[in-house]
Amino acid sequence: MKTFDKYPCTITLMCILLVLVSMIWLWTHEGCTHPLENMTAFMLLVSTPVMWAHWATD
């Protein structure tokens, strides 16, 4: 059994939480003082909806 089929609400909530935390981090931290962390937060912000869509349709 696929993980998303077994826990759809949990995975969706985790994706929403990742996007929110990433957005809050990017809005509250300056890019020049935290470049690596901001790049990580941006990558999570972009990749989380893509991963969720893949899990939901797989």
C-alpha atoms as a PDB file:
ATOM      1  CA  MET A   1       0.000   0.000   0.000  1.00  0.00           C
ATOM      2  CA  LYS A   2       1.255   3.451  -0.871  1.00  0.00           C
ATOM      3  CA  THR A   3       2.092   5.831   1.935  1.00  0.00           C
ATOM      4  CA  PHE A   4      -0.075   8.658   0.608  1.00  0.00           C
ATOM      5  CA  ASP A   5      -3.078   6.332   0.330  1.00  0.00           C
ATOM      6  CA  LYS A   6      -2.546   5.277   3.921  1.00  0.00           C
ATOM      7  CA  TYR A   7      -1.906   8.752   5.437  1.00  0.00           C
ATOM      8  CA  PRO A   8      -3.243  11.452   3.060  1.00  0.00           C
ATOM      9  CA  CYS A   9      -4.147  13.992   5.739  1.00  0.00           C
ATOM     10  CA  THR A  10      -0.850  13.662   7.583  1.00  0.00           C
ATOM     11  CA  ILE A  11       1.233  14.138   4.443  1.00  0.00           C
ATOM     12  CA  THR A  12      -0.900  17.079   3.328  1.00  0.00           C
ATOM     13  CA  LEU A  13      -0.577  18.757   6.731  1.00  0.00           C
ATOM     14  CA  MET A  14       3.184  18.212   6.739  1.00  0.00           C
ATOM     15  CA  CYS A  15       3.448  19.782   3.271  1.00  0.00           C
ATOM     16  CA  ILE A  16       1.389  22.777   4.378  1.00  0.00           C
ATOM     17  CA  LEU A  17       3.545  23.133   7.484  1.00  0.00           C
ATOM     18  CA  LEU A  18       6.754  23.018   5.430  1.00  0.00           C
ATOM     19  CA  VAL A  19       5.470  25.691   3.060  1.00  0.00           C
ATOM     20  CA  LEU A  20       4.365  27.947   5.924  1.00  0.00           C
ATOM     21  CA  VAL A  21       7.645  27.595   7.815  1.00  0.00           C
ATOM     22  CA  SER A  22       9.592  28.275   4.621  1.00  0.00           C
ATOM     23  CA  MET A  23       7.544  31.384   3.854  1.00  0.00           C
ATOM     24  CA  ILE A  24       7.885  32.712   7.401  1.00  0.00           C
ATOM     25  CA  TRP A  25      11.645  32.104   7.339  1.00  0.00           C
ATOM     26  CA  LEU A  26      12.036  33.921   4.020  1.00  0.00           C
ATOM     27  CA  TRP A  27       9.921  36.872   5.152  1.00  0.00           C
ATOM     28  CA  THR A  28      11.699  37.361   8.474  1.00  0.00           C
ATOM     29  CA  HIS A  29      15.392  36.764   7.690  1.00  0.00           C
ATOM     30  CA  GLU A  30      17.726  38.856   5.598  1.00  0.00           C
ATOM     31  CA  GLY A  31      19.272  37.113   2.618  1.00  0.00           C
ATOM     32  CA  CYS A  32      22.777  38.486   3.075  1.00  0.00           C
ATOM     33  CA  THR A  33      23.163  37.201   6.624  1.00  0.00           C
ATOM     34  CA  HIS A  34      21.592  33.770   6.092  1.00  0.00           C
ATOM     35  CA  PRO A  35      22.202  32.814   2.439  1.00  0.00           C
ATOM     36  CA  LEU A  36      22.365  29.038   2.911  1.00  0.00           C
ATOM     37  CA  GLU A  37      19.301  28.889   5.133  1.00  0.00           C
ATOM     38  CA  ASN A  38      17.324  31.126   2.775  1.00  0.00           C
ATOM     39  CA  MET A  39      18.237  28.935  -0.194  1.00  0.00           C
ATOM     40  CA  THR A  40      17.139  25.840   1.744  1.00  0.00           C
ATOM     41  CA  ALA A  41      13.855  27.494   2.693  1.00  0.00           C
ATOM     42  CA  PHE A  42      13.276  28.556  -0.914  1.00  0.00           C
ATOM     43  CA  MET A  43      13.983  25.031  -2.184  1.00  0.00           C
ATOM     44  CA  LEU A  44      11.482  23.622   0.330  1.00  0.00           C
ATOM     45  CA  LEU A  45       8.939  26.250  -0.654  1.00  0.00           C
ATOM     46  CA  VAL A  46       9.229  25.318  -4.325  1.00  0.00           C
ATOM     47  CA  SER A  47       9.648  21.553  -4.043  1.00  0.00           C
ATOM     48  CA  THR A  48       7.029  20.734  -1.403  1.00  0.00           C
ATOM     49  CA  PRO A  49       3.941  21.372  -3.593  1.00  0.00           C
ATOM     50  CA  VAL A  50       5.597  19.480  -6.432  1.00  0.00           C
ATOM     51  CA  MET A  51       6.321  16.487  -4.191  1.00  0.00           C
ATOM     52  CA  TRP A  52       2.787  16.614  -2.774  1.00  0.00           C
ATOM     53  CA  ALA A  53       1.283  16.608  -6.258  1.00  0.00           C
ATOM     54  CA  HIS A  54       3.451  13.639  -7.202  1.00  0.00           C
ATOM     55  CA  TRP A  55       2.436  11.700  -4.087  1.00  0.00           C
ATOM     56  CA  ALA A  56      -1.241  12.535  -4.544  1.00  0.00           C
ATOM     57  CA  THR A  57      -1.373  11.384  -8.159  1.00  0.00           C
ATOM     58  CA  ASP A  58       0.968   8.403  -7.898  1.00  0.00           C
END
